[in-house]
């Protein structure tokens, strides 16, 4: 597969995500009003970002399979079958399965206005969307590596994304442990989690940019 074909497919799908993230960062009215609180206008945009992120995954998988029919990613087995049908070894992708499956399921709930998708956006949602931004970018880079069309920049970005994702899992563990924190220590614990989230988010000023192909491996 020509490198430009996959890049164009991904770029078209991820461009709206980049624009929406810039909007959230640059508009004072859309920023969080208080720690871990997100008003409805911001939540609507974040939910739409979830839809577009899944759209990016679907678009590049359709390009790999050569089919325009919907791609099934709602389970590990479904995602693995899609990769195999594309002629790819699924083993290098397996670390990315959990967030991609979660993204697929959340996209379904939002699209069908089902269950928690209609609730206000909270800290767990902030954690998830940061993970999904990294996972989608890593998935794109991993596809390019598996198709032997990756640049050096793709490989470096993939390594950075995986490292950041693992760090972000640690933040999730802090969140799960929070209910057991002594009440007098909870403000400090919340601030520590917020700081960790901000550090990870700083790496994601935009969803991963497309790199030019002038850095091909020798």
C-alpha atoms as a PDB file:
ATOM      1  CA  UNK A   1       0.000   0.000   0.000  1.00  0.00           C
ATOM      2  CA  UNK A   2       1.398   3.441  -0.925  1.00  0.00           C
ATOM      3  CA  UNK A   3       2.269   5.473   2.166  1.00  0.00           C
ATOM      4  CA  UNK A   4       0.360   8.490   0.868  1.00  0.00           C
ATOM      5  CA  UNK A   5      -2.898   6.534   0.599  1.00  0.00           C
ATOM      6  CA  UNK A   6      -2.988   5.597   4.284  1.00  0.00           C
ATOM      7  CA  UNK A   7      -1.794   9.050   5.326  1.00  0.00           C
ATOM      8  CA  UNK A   8      -4.550  10.751   3.340  1.00  0.00           C
ATOM      9  CA  UNK A   9      -7.208   8.465   4.793  1.00  0.00           C
ATOM     10  CA  UNK A  10      -6.013   9.058   8.350  1.00  0.00           C
ATOM     11  CA  UNK A  11      -5.450  12.769   7.817  1.00  0.00           C
ATOM     12  CA  UNK A  12      -8.960  13.329   6.494  1.00  0.00           C
ATOM     13  CA  UNK A  13     -10.476  11.528   9.492  1.00  0.00           C
ATOM     14  CA  UNK A  14      -8.262  13.020  12.209  1.00  0.00           C
ATOM     15  CA  UNK A  15      -8.291  16.614  10.949  1.00  0.00           C
ATOM     16  CA  UNK A  16     -11.586  17.428  12.656  1.00  0.00           C
ATOM     17  CA  UNK A  17     -10.220  16.054  15.940  1.00  0.00           C
ATOM     18  CA  UNK A  18      -7.258  18.420  15.747  1.00  0.00           C
ATOM     19  CA  UNK A  19      -9.537  21.379  15.050  1.00  0.00           C
ATOM     20  CA  UNK A  20     -11.875  20.544  17.934  1.00  0.00           C
ATOM     21  CA  UNK A  21      -8.995  20.179  20.381  1.00  0.00           C
ATOM     22  CA  UNK A  22      -7.658  23.578  19.333  1.00  0.00           C
ATOM     23  CA  UNK A  23     -11.146  25.002  19.860  1.00  0.00           C
ATOM     24  CA  UNK A  24     -11.346  23.600  23.389  1.00  0.00           C
ATOM     25  CA  UNK A  25      -7.895  24.927  24.245  1.00  0.00           C
ATOM     26  CA  UNK A  26      -8.394  28.369  22.757  1.00  0.00           C
ATOM     27  CA  UNK A  27     -11.936  29.247  23.857  1.00  0.00           C
ATOM     28  CA  UNK A  28     -12.230  30.438  27.451  1.00  0.00           C
ATOM     29  CA  UNK A  29     -15.953  29.637  27.575  1.00  0.00           C
ATOM     30  CA  UNK A  30     -15.252  25.998  26.704  1.00  0.00           C
ATOM     31  CA  UNK A  31     -12.560  25.425  29.311  1.00  0.00           C
ATOM     32  CA  UNK A  32     -13.266  23.610  32.559  1.00  0.00           C
ATOM     33  CA  UNK A  33     -14.862  25.904  35.140  1.00  0.00           C
ATOM     34  CA  UNK A  34     -13.677  23.901  38.136  1.00  0.00           C
ATOM     35  CA  UNK A  35     -11.509  20.916  38.968  1.00  0.00           C
ATOM     36  CA  UNK A  36     -12.819  17.858  37.096  1.00  0.00           C
ATOM     37  CA  UNK A  37     -16.063  19.613  36.154  1.00  0.00           C
ATOM     38  CA  UNK A  38     -17.096  19.867  32.513  1.00  0.00           C
ATOM     39  CA  UNK A  39     -20.150  21.825  31.415  1.00  0.00           C
ATOM     40  CA  UNK A  40     -22.495  20.467  28.796  1.00  0.00           C
ATOM     41  CA  UNK A  41     -21.165  22.464  25.816  1.00  0.00           C
ATOM     42  CA  UNK A  42     -17.658  21.137  26.423  1.00  0.00           C
ATOM     43  CA  UNK A  43     -18.978  17.623  27.013  1.00  0.00           C
ATOM     44  CA  UNK A  44     -20.823  17.689  23.690  1.00  0.00           C
ATOM     45  CA  UNK A  45     -17.589  18.535  21.867  1.00  0.00           C
ATOM     46  CA  UNK A  46     -15.673  15.845  23.728  1.00  0.00           C
ATOM     47  CA  UNK A  47     -18.300  13.261  22.829  1.00  0.00           C
ATOM     48  CA  UNK A  48     -18.057  14.304  19.184  1.00  0.00           C
ATOM     49  CA  UNK A  49     -14.276  13.886  19.385  1.00  0.00           C
ATOM     50  CA  UNK A  50     -14.902  10.288  20.489  1.00  0.00           C
ATOM     51  CA  UNK A  51     -16.995   9.718  17.355  1.00  0.00           C
ATOM     52  CA  UNK A  52     -14.329  11.211  15.104  1.00  0.00           C
ATOM     53  CA  UNK A  53     -11.534   9.221  16.745  1.00  0.00           C
ATOM     54  CA  UNK A  54     -13.394   6.019  16.048  1.00  0.00           C
ATOM     55  CA  UNK A  55     -13.994   7.271  12.530  1.00  0.00           C
ATOM     56  CA  UNK A  56     -10.223   7.545  12.071  1.00  0.00           C
ATOM     57  CA  UNK A  57      -9.710   3.934  13.183  1.00  0.00           C
ATOM     58  CA  UNK A  58     -12.484   2.738  10.899  1.00  0.00           C
ATOM     59  CA  UNK A  59     -11.154   4.720   7.935  1.00  0.00           C
ATOM     60  CA  UNK A  60      -7.633   3.329   8.055  1.00  0.00           C
ATOM     61  CA  UNK A  61      -8.855  -0.233   8.649  1.00  0.00           C
ATOM     62  CA  UNK A  62     -11.178   0.078   5.665  1.00  0.00           C
ATOM     63  CA  UNK A  63      -8.205   1.212   3.618  1.00  0.00           C
ATOM     64  CA  UNK A  64      -6.250  -1.853   4.733  1.00  0.00           C
ATOM     65  CA  UNK A  65      -9.094  -4.312   4.089  1.00  0.00           C
ATOM     66  CA  UNK A  66     -10.062  -2.677   0.813  1.00  0.00           C
ATOM     67  CA  UNK A  67     -13.705  -2.578   1.866  1.00  0.00           C
ATOM     68  CA  UNK A  68     -15.944   0.390   2.690  1.00  0.00           C
ATOM     69  CA  UNK A  69     -18.296  -1.622   4.885  1.00  0.00           C
ATOM     70  CA  UNK A  70     -18.348  -0.898   8.650  1.00  0.00           C
ATOM     71  CA  UNK A  71     -15.404  -2.313  10.592  1.00  0.00           C
ATOM     72  CA  UNK A  72     -16.080  -4.337  13.749  1.00  0.00           C
ATOM     73  CA  UNK A  73     -13.852  -3.353  16.688  1.00  0.00           C
ATOM     74  CA  UNK A  74     -16.172  -3.941  19.629  1.00  0.00           C
ATOM     75  CA  UNK A  75     -14.193  -6.923  20.949  1.00  0.00           C
ATOM     76  CA  UNK A  76     -10.630  -8.197  20.937  1.00  0.00           C
ATOM     77  CA  UNK A  77     -11.567 -11.124  18.693  1.00  0.00           C
ATOM     78  CA  UNK A  78     -13.360  -8.874  16.185  1.00  0.00           C
ATOM     79  CA  UNK A  79     -10.421  -6.493  15.980  1.00  0.00           C
ATOM     80  CA  UNK A  80      -8.002  -9.388  15.582  1.00  0.00           C
ATOM     81  CA  UNK A  81     -10.061 -10.896  12.759  1.00  0.00           C
ATOM     82  CA  UNK A  82     -10.078  -7.535  10.961  1.00  0.00           C
ATOM     83  CA  UNK A  83      -6.285  -7.297  11.170  1.00  0.00           C
ATOM     84  CA  UNK A  84      -5.880 -10.882   9.928  1.00  0.00           C
ATOM     85  CA  UNK A  85      -8.233 -10.204   6.999  1.00  0.00           C
ATOM     86  CA  UNK A  86      -5.969  -7.263   6.158  1.00  0.00           C
ATOM     87  CA  UNK A  87      -3.015  -9.631   5.936  1.00  0.00           C
ATOM     88  CA  UNK A  88      -1.401  -8.292   9.115  1.00  0.00           C
ATOM     89  CA  UNK A  89       0.150 -10.102  12.046  1.00  0.00           C
ATOM     90  CA  UNK A  90      -2.070  -9.083  14.984  1.00  0.00           C
ATOM     91  CA  UNK A  91       0.547  -9.757  17.681  1.00  0.00           C
ATOM     92  CA  UNK A  92       2.226  -6.294  17.642  1.00  0.00           C
ATOM     93  CA  UNK A  93      -1.192  -4.614  17.986  1.00  0.00           C
ATOM     94  CA  UNK A  94      -2.443  -6.471  21.050  1.00  0.00           C
ATOM     95  CA  UNK A  95      -1.323  -3.888  23.603  1.00  0.00           C
ATOM     96  CA  UNK A  96      -3.642  -1.456  21.815  1.00  0.00           C
ATOM     97  CA  UNK A  97      -6.695  -3.727  21.913  1.00  0.00           C
ATOM     98  CA  UNK A  98      -8.119  -2.612  25.302  1.00  0.00           C
ATOM     99  CA  UNK A  99      -8.370   1.132  24.551  1.00  0.00           C
ATOM    100  CA  UNK A 100      -9.528   0.571  20.962  1.00  0.00           C
ATOM    101  CA  UNK A 101     -12.284  -1.815  22.084  1.00  0.00           C
ATOM    102  CA  UNK A 102     -13.351   0.673  24.783  1.00  0.00           C
ATOM    103  CA  UNK A 103     -13.403   3.433  22.164  1.00  0.00           C
ATOM    104  CA  UNK A 104     -15.613   1.334  19.898  1.00  0.00           C
ATOM    105  CA  UNK A 105     -18.082   0.595  22.681  1.00  0.00           C
ATOM    106  CA  UNK A 106     -18.208   4.200  23.838  1.00  0.00           C
ATOM    107  CA  UNK A 107     -18.774   5.360  20.279  1.00  0.00           C
ATOM    108  CA  UNK A 108     -21.751   2.982  20.063  1.00  0.00           C
ATOM    109  CA  UNK A 109     -23.288   4.338  23.281  1.00  0.00           C
ATOM    110  CA  UNK A 110     -22.860   7.939  22.155  1.00  0.00           C
ATOM    111  CA  UNK A 111     -24.209   7.293  18.657  1.00  0.00           C
ATOM    112  CA  UNK A 112     -27.269   5.560  20.078  1.00  0.00           C
ATOM    113  CA  UNK A 113     -27.643   7.849  23.113  1.00  0.00           C
ATOM    114  CA  UNK A 114     -27.489   4.802  25.331  1.00  0.00           C
ATOM    115  CA  UNK A 115     -26.720   4.586  29.050  1.00  0.00           C
ATOM    116  CA  UNK A 116     -23.877   6.618  30.537  1.00  0.00           C
ATOM    117  CA  UNK A 117     -23.129   8.356  27.251  1.00  0.00           C
ATOM    118  CA  UNK A 118     -25.902  10.832  28.027  1.00  0.00           C
ATOM    119  CA  UNK A 119     -24.461  11.698  31.447  1.00  0.00           C
ATOM    120  CA  UNK A 120     -22.240  14.639  32.247  1.00  0.00           C
ATOM    121  CA  UNK A 121     -18.589  14.338  31.367  1.00  0.00           C
ATOM    122  CA  UNK A 122     -16.404  13.512  34.381  1.00  0.00           C
ATOM    123  CA  UNK A 123     -12.830  12.760  35.386  1.00  0.00           C
ATOM    124  CA  UNK A 124     -13.009   9.143  34.206  1.00  0.00           C
ATOM    125  CA  UNK A 125     -14.090  10.399  30.778  1.00  0.00           C
ATOM    126  CA  UNK A 126     -11.170  12.838  30.695  1.00  0.00           C
ATOM    127  CA  UNK A 127      -8.852   9.939  31.471  1.00  0.00           C
ATOM    128  CA  UNK A 128     -10.362   7.797  28.733  1.00  0.00           C
ATOM    129  CA  UNK A 129     -10.295  10.374  25.963  1.00  0.00           C
ATOM    130  CA  UNK A 130      -6.616  11.108  26.610  1.00  0.00           C
ATOM    131  CA  UNK A 131      -5.924   7.371  26.400  1.00  0.00           C
ATOM    132  CA  UNK A 132      -7.904   7.112  23.168  1.00  0.00           C
ATOM    133  CA  UNK A 133      -6.040  10.008  21.567  1.00  0.00           C
ATOM    134  CA  UNK A 134      -2.767   8.224  22.250  1.00  0.00           C
ATOM    135  CA  UNK A 135      -4.083   4.799  21.239  1.00  0.00           C
ATOM    136  CA  UNK A 136      -5.438   5.953  17.880  1.00  0.00           C
ATOM    137  CA  UNK A 137      -2.178   7.692  17.023  1.00  0.00           C
ATOM    138  CA  UNK A 138      -0.195   4.625  18.105  1.00  0.00           C
ATOM    139  CA  UNK A 139      -2.458   2.363  16.056  1.00  0.00           C
ATOM    140  CA  UNK A 140      -1.871   4.451  12.932  1.00  0.00           C
ATOM    141  CA  UNK A 141       1.905   4.357  13.420  1.00  0.00           C
ATOM    142  CA  UNK A 142       1.828   0.613  14.154  1.00  0.00           C
ATOM    143  CA  UNK A 143      -0.124   0.003  10.937  1.00  0.00           C
ATOM    144  CA  UNK A 144       2.487   1.885   8.948  1.00  0.00           C
ATOM    145  CA  UNK A 145       5.228  -0.144  10.613  1.00  0.00           C
ATOM    146  CA  UNK A 146       3.450  -3.428   9.851  1.00  0.00           C
ATOM    147  CA  UNK A 147       2.910  -2.368   6.230  1.00  0.00           C
ATOM    148  CA  UNK A 148       6.599  -1.437   5.878  1.00  0.00           C
ATOM    149  CA  UNK A 149       5.798   2.163   4.992  1.00  0.00           C
ATOM    150  CA  UNK A 150       6.784   3.755   8.327  1.00  0.00           C
ATOM    151  CA  UNK A 151       9.154   6.685   8.610  1.00  0.00           C
ATOM    152  CA  UNK A 152      11.633   7.101  11.444  1.00  0.00           C
ATOM    153  CA  UNK A 153       9.242   9.714  12.836  1.00  0.00           C
ATOM    154  CA  UNK A 154       6.415   7.141  12.865  1.00  0.00           C
ATOM    155  CA  UNK A 155       8.507   4.699  14.884  1.00  0.00           C
ATOM    156  CA  UNK A 156       9.577   7.389  17.339  1.00  0.00           C
ATOM    157  CA  UNK A 157       5.982   8.580  17.755  1.00  0.00           C
ATOM    158  CA  UNK A 158       4.805   5.020  18.339  1.00  0.00           C
ATOM    159  CA  UNK A 159       7.384   4.531  21.099  1.00  0.00           C
ATOM    160  CA  UNK A 160       6.402   7.845  22.753  1.00  0.00           C
ATOM    161  CA  UNK A 161       2.707   6.978  22.610  1.00  0.00           C
ATOM    162  CA  UNK A 162       3.216   3.573  24.213  1.00  0.00           C
ATOM    163  CA  UNK A 163       5.322   5.086  26.997  1.00  0.00           C
ATOM    164  CA  UNK A 164       2.714   7.775  27.651  1.00  0.00           C
ATOM    165  CA  UNK A 165      -0.111   5.210  27.612  1.00  0.00           C
ATOM    166  CA  UNK A 166       1.625   3.121  30.258  1.00  0.00           C
ATOM    167  CA  UNK A 167       2.124   6.215  32.420  1.00  0.00           C
ATOM    168  CA  UNK A 168      -1.528   7.065  31.942  1.00  0.00           C
ATOM    169  CA  UNK A 169      -2.555   3.636  33.225  1.00  0.00           C
ATOM    170  CA  UNK A 170      -0.821   4.569  36.493  1.00  0.00           C
ATOM    171  CA  UNK A 171      -3.026   7.672  36.685  1.00  0.00           C
ATOM    172  CA  UNK A 172      -6.049   5.410  36.262  1.00  0.00           C
ATOM    173  CA  UNK A 173      -4.897   3.293  39.168  1.00  0.00           C
ATOM    174  CA  UNK A 174      -4.675   6.424  41.327  1.00  0.00           C
ATOM    175  CA  UNK A 175      -8.243   7.251  40.365  1.00  0.00           C
ATOM    176  CA  UNK A 176      -9.475   3.772  41.307  1.00  0.00           C
ATOM    177  CA  UNK A 177      -7.696   3.998  44.652  1.00  0.00           C
ATOM    178  CA  UNK A 178      -9.129   7.442  45.433  1.00  0.00           C
ATOM    179  CA  UNK A 179     -12.259   6.241  47.325  1.00  0.00           C
ATOM    180  CA  UNK A 180      -9.949   4.606  49.869  1.00  0.00           C
ATOM    181  CA  UNK A 181      -7.957   7.811  50.491  1.00  0.00           C
ATOM    182  CA  UNK A 182      -8.510   9.406  53.900  1.00  0.00           C
ATOM    183  CA  UNK A 183     -10.913  12.372  53.634  1.00  0.00           C
ATOM    184  CA  UNK A 184      -8.314  14.849  54.900  1.00  0.00           C
ATOM    185  CA  UNK A 185      -5.892  13.758  52.151  1.00  0.00           C
ATOM    186  CA  UNK A 186      -8.341  13.807  49.262  1.00  0.00           C
ATOM    187  CA  UNK A 187      -7.740  17.371  48.079  1.00  0.00           C
ATOM    188  CA  UNK A 188      -4.036  16.633  47.768  1.00  0.00           C
ATOM    189  CA  UNK A 189      -4.782  13.352  45.971  1.00  0.00           C
ATOM    190  CA  UNK A 190      -7.117  15.105  43.538  1.00  0.00           C
ATOM    191  CA  UNK A 191      -4.530  17.755  42.805  1.00  0.00           C
ATOM    192  CA  UNK A 192      -1.913  15.056  42.164  1.00  0.00           C
ATOM    193  CA  UNK A 193      -4.212  13.290  39.706  1.00  0.00           C
ATOM    194  CA  UNK A 194      -5.065  16.551  37.978  1.00  0.00           C
ATOM    195  CA  UNK A 195      -1.365  17.369  37.636  1.00  0.00           C
ATOM    196  CA  UNK A 196      -0.668  13.938  36.156  1.00  0.00           C
ATOM    197  CA  UNK A 197      -3.548  14.309  33.695  1.00  0.00           C
ATOM    198  CA  UNK A 198      -2.311  17.740  32.664  1.00  0.00           C
ATOM    199  CA  UNK A 199       1.184  16.356  32.070  1.00  0.00           C
ATOM    200  CA  UNK A 200      -0.150  13.672  29.783  1.00  0.00           C
ATOM    201  CA  UNK A 201      -2.477  16.090  28.019  1.00  0.00           C
ATOM    202  CA  UNK A 202       0.456  18.415  27.357  1.00  0.00           C
ATOM    203  CA  UNK A 203       1.866  15.692  25.114  1.00  0.00           C
ATOM    204  CA  UNK A 204      -1.365  15.787  23.135  1.00  0.00           C
ATOM    205  CA  UNK A 205      -1.809  19.404  22.168  1.00  0.00           C
ATOM    206  CA  UNK A 206      -3.271  17.870  19.048  1.00  0.00           C
ATOM    207  CA  UNK A 207      -3.982  14.336  17.961  1.00  0.00           C
ATOM    208  CA  UNK A 208      -0.781  12.952  16.407  1.00  0.00           C
ATOM    209  CA  UNK A 209       0.191  14.964  13.335  1.00  0.00           C
ATOM    210  CA  UNK A 210       0.966  13.317  10.055  1.00  0.00           C
ATOM    211  CA  UNK A 211       4.655  13.220   9.294  1.00  0.00           C
ATOM    212  CA  UNK A 212       6.117  13.812   5.881  1.00  0.00           C
ATOM    213  CA  UNK A 213       7.698  10.879   4.101  1.00  0.00           C
ATOM    214  CA  UNK A 214      11.088  12.511   3.756  1.00  0.00           C
ATOM    215  CA  UNK A 215      12.386  10.563   6.753  1.00  0.00           C
ATOM    216  CA  UNK A 216      12.155   7.091   5.251  1.00  0.00           C
ATOM    217  CA  UNK A 217      14.369   4.487   6.804  1.00  0.00           C
ATOM    218  CA  UNK A 218      17.653   3.936   4.933  1.00  0.00           C
END
